[in-house]
């Protein structure tokens, strides 16, 4: 999926492509889980000790880390998958809703910096066929 396309996601898997280089090149390719159903979004990362890659919650504009076992990086994305803000949240916190955010990306704390993910970064997603 191109970053400019507006889509309705389904639960599944894919690959997150981070275009974080100054020339628009790819700085990272990351395994991705997509949580689009109410049930999958509600469960999120609860009960997990780790995550390989990232989890996309869609639609979403805020999250909480109550009952989580680990701190996480959180990126708020607009409808075109452009990063609006990136935060690290410890367990037991409530994140404020972000205006214009349509999706939330979660990963283990410290990983998003390694991917070159920051405000303004453009993302795209390649879906894996079931």
Protein backbone atom coordinates (compact mmCIF):
# COMPACT_ATOMS: atom_id res chain seq x y z
CA UNK A 1 0.00 0.00 0.00
CA UNK A 2 1.30 3.41 -0.89
CA UNK A 3 1.49 5.94 1.92
CA UNK A 4 -0.85 8.32 0.05
CA UNK A 5 -3.70 5.85 -0.25
CA UNK A 6 -6.54 5.97 2.26
CA UNK A 7 -7.44 2.38 3.14
CA UNK A 8 -9.52 0.39 5.59
CA UNK A 9 -7.22 -2.18 7.12
CA UNK A 10 -8.01 -5.74 8.17
CA UNK A 11 -6.29 -7.81 10.85
CA UNK A 12 -3.22 -9.42 9.37
CA UNK A 13 0.47 -9.11 8.67
CA UNK A 14 2.70 -7.10 6.44
CA UNK A 15 5.94 -5.22 6.21
CA UNK A 16 6.39 -1.65 7.38
CA UNK A 17 8.64 0.39 5.09
CA UNK A 18 10.28 3.41 6.74
CA UNK A 19 11.39 6.10 4.33
CA UNK A 20 13.65 7.93 6.76
CA UNK A 21 16.67 8.83 4.67
CA UNK A 22 17.18 12.45 3.56
CA UNK A 23 16.73 11.49 -0.12
CA UNK A 24 13.47 9.62 0.66
CA UNK A 25 15.20 6.24 0.60
CA UNK A 26 14.25 3.27 2.76
CA UNK A 27 15.94 3.25 6.18
CA UNK A 28 14.17 0.14 7.52
CA UNK A 29 11.86 -2.75 6.63
CA UNK A 30 10.05 -4.05 9.67
CA UNK A 31 7.73 -7.05 10.23
CA UNK A 32 4.25 -5.68 10.97
CA UNK A 33 1.10 -6.96 12.64
CA UNK A 34 -2.12 -5.10 11.80
CA UNK A 35 -4.87 -4.82 14.41
CA UNK A 36 -7.93 -3.34 12.72
CA UNK A 37 -10.82 -5.15 14.40
CA UNK A 38 -12.13 -3.90 17.74
CA UNK A 39 -11.02 -7.11 19.45
CA UNK A 40 -7.47 -7.01 18.04
CA UNK A 41 -7.05 -3.30 18.86
CA UNK A 42 -8.30 -3.84 22.41
CA UNK A 43 -5.88 -6.72 22.98
CA UNK A 44 -2.92 -4.91 21.39
CA UNK A 45 0.30 -5.81 23.19
CA UNK A 46 -1.35 -6.87 26.45
CA UNK A 47 0.21 -9.97 27.93
CA UNK A 48 3.28 -9.91 25.70
CA UNK A 49 6.87 -9.80 26.91
CA UNK A 50 8.28 -8.78 23.53
CA UNK A 51 7.36 -7.92 19.96
CA UNK A 52 9.27 -8.65 16.79
CA UNK A 53 8.71 -5.61 14.59
CA UNK A 54 5.69 -3.38 15.11
CA UNK A 55 1.93 -3.40 15.68
CA UNK A 56 -0.36 -1.03 13.76
CA UNK A 57 -3.65 -0.10 15.47
CA UNK A 58 -6.17 1.28 13.00
CA UNK A 59 -8.25 3.28 13.44
CA UNK A 60 -6.77 4.79 16.60
CA UNK A 61 -5.59 8.17 17.86
CA UNK A 62 -4.61 7.31 21.44
CA UNK A 63 -3.43 4.35 23.51
CA UNK A 64 -2.80 3.25 27.08
CA UNK A 65 -0.17 0.99 28.59
CA UNK A 66 -2.16 -0.33 31.56
CA UNK A 67 -1.37 -4.02 32.27
CA UNK A 68 1.56 -3.98 29.82
CA UNK A 69 4.76 -5.74 30.78
CA UNK A 70 7.20 -3.53 28.89
CA UNK A 71 7.76 0.10 27.91
CA UNK A 72 6.88 0.83 24.27
CA UNK A 73 7.60 3.34 21.54
CA UNK A 74 4.43 4.88 20.12
CA UNK A 75 4.14 6.69 16.78
CA UNK A 76 0.97 8.60 15.90
CA UNK A 77 0.27 8.54 12.14
CA UNK A 78 -2.01 10.64 9.95
CA UNK A 79 -4.30 9.18 7.28
CA UNK A 80 -1.42 9.12 4.76
CA UNK A 81 0.91 7.24 7.14
CA UNK A 82 3.10 10.27 7.89
CA UNK A 83 4.46 10.30 11.46
CA UNK A 84 2.97 13.11 13.55
CA UNK A 85 4.71 12.35 16.85
CA UNK A 86 6.83 9.65 18.52
CA UNK A 87 6.82 8.92 22.26
CA UNK A 88 8.18 6.28 24.63
CA UNK A 89 5.63 5.19 27.24
CA UNK A 90 6.27 3.10 30.36
CA UNK A 91 3.64 0.61 31.58
CA UNK A 92 0.63 2.03 33.42
CA UNK A 93 0.19 5.27 31.45
CA UNK A 94 -2.63 6.87 29.48
CA UNK A 95 -1.64 8.66 26.27
CA UNK A 96 -3.51 11.81 25.25
CA UNK A 97 -5.44 11.61 21.97
CA UNK A 98 -3.55 13.21 19.07
CA UNK A 99 -5.42 15.57 16.78
CA UNK A 100 -5.21 14.39 13.12
CA UNK A 101 -3.93 10.92 14.14
CA UNK A 102 -5.74 8.05 12.39
CA UNK A 103 -3.38 5.18 13.23
CA UNK A 104 -1.01 4.29 16.07
CA UNK A 105 2.17 2.25 15.62
CA UNK A 106 3.62 0.42 18.64
CA UNK A 107 7.02 -1.25 19.07
CA UNK A 108 9.42 -2.17 21.86
CA UNK A 109 10.97 0.88 23.51
CA UNK A 110 14.05 2.17 21.69
CA UNK A 111 13.44 0.48 18.34
CA UNK A 112 11.81 3.34 16.44
CA UNK A 113 14.88 5.54 16.80
CA UNK A 114 16.94 2.76 15.22
CA UNK A 115 14.54 2.69 12.26
CA UNK A 116 14.99 6.45 11.74
CA UNK A 117 11.36 7.08 12.66
CA UNK A 118 10.56 10.66 13.76
CA UNK A 119 7.94 13.34 13.12
CA UNK A 120 7.57 13.87 9.36
CA UNK A 121 8.81 10.41 8.35
CA UNK A 122 6.76 8.78 5.58
CA UNK A 123 5.76 5.15 5.92
CA UNK A 124 4.22 2.61 3.59
CA UNK A 125 2.96 -0.92 4.11
CA UNK A 126 3.27 -4.03 1.98
CA UNK A 127 0.54 -6.50 2.96
CA UNK A 128 1.23 -10.22 3.19
CA UNK A 129 -1.45 -12.28 1.44
CA UNK A 130 -3.19 -14.79 3.73
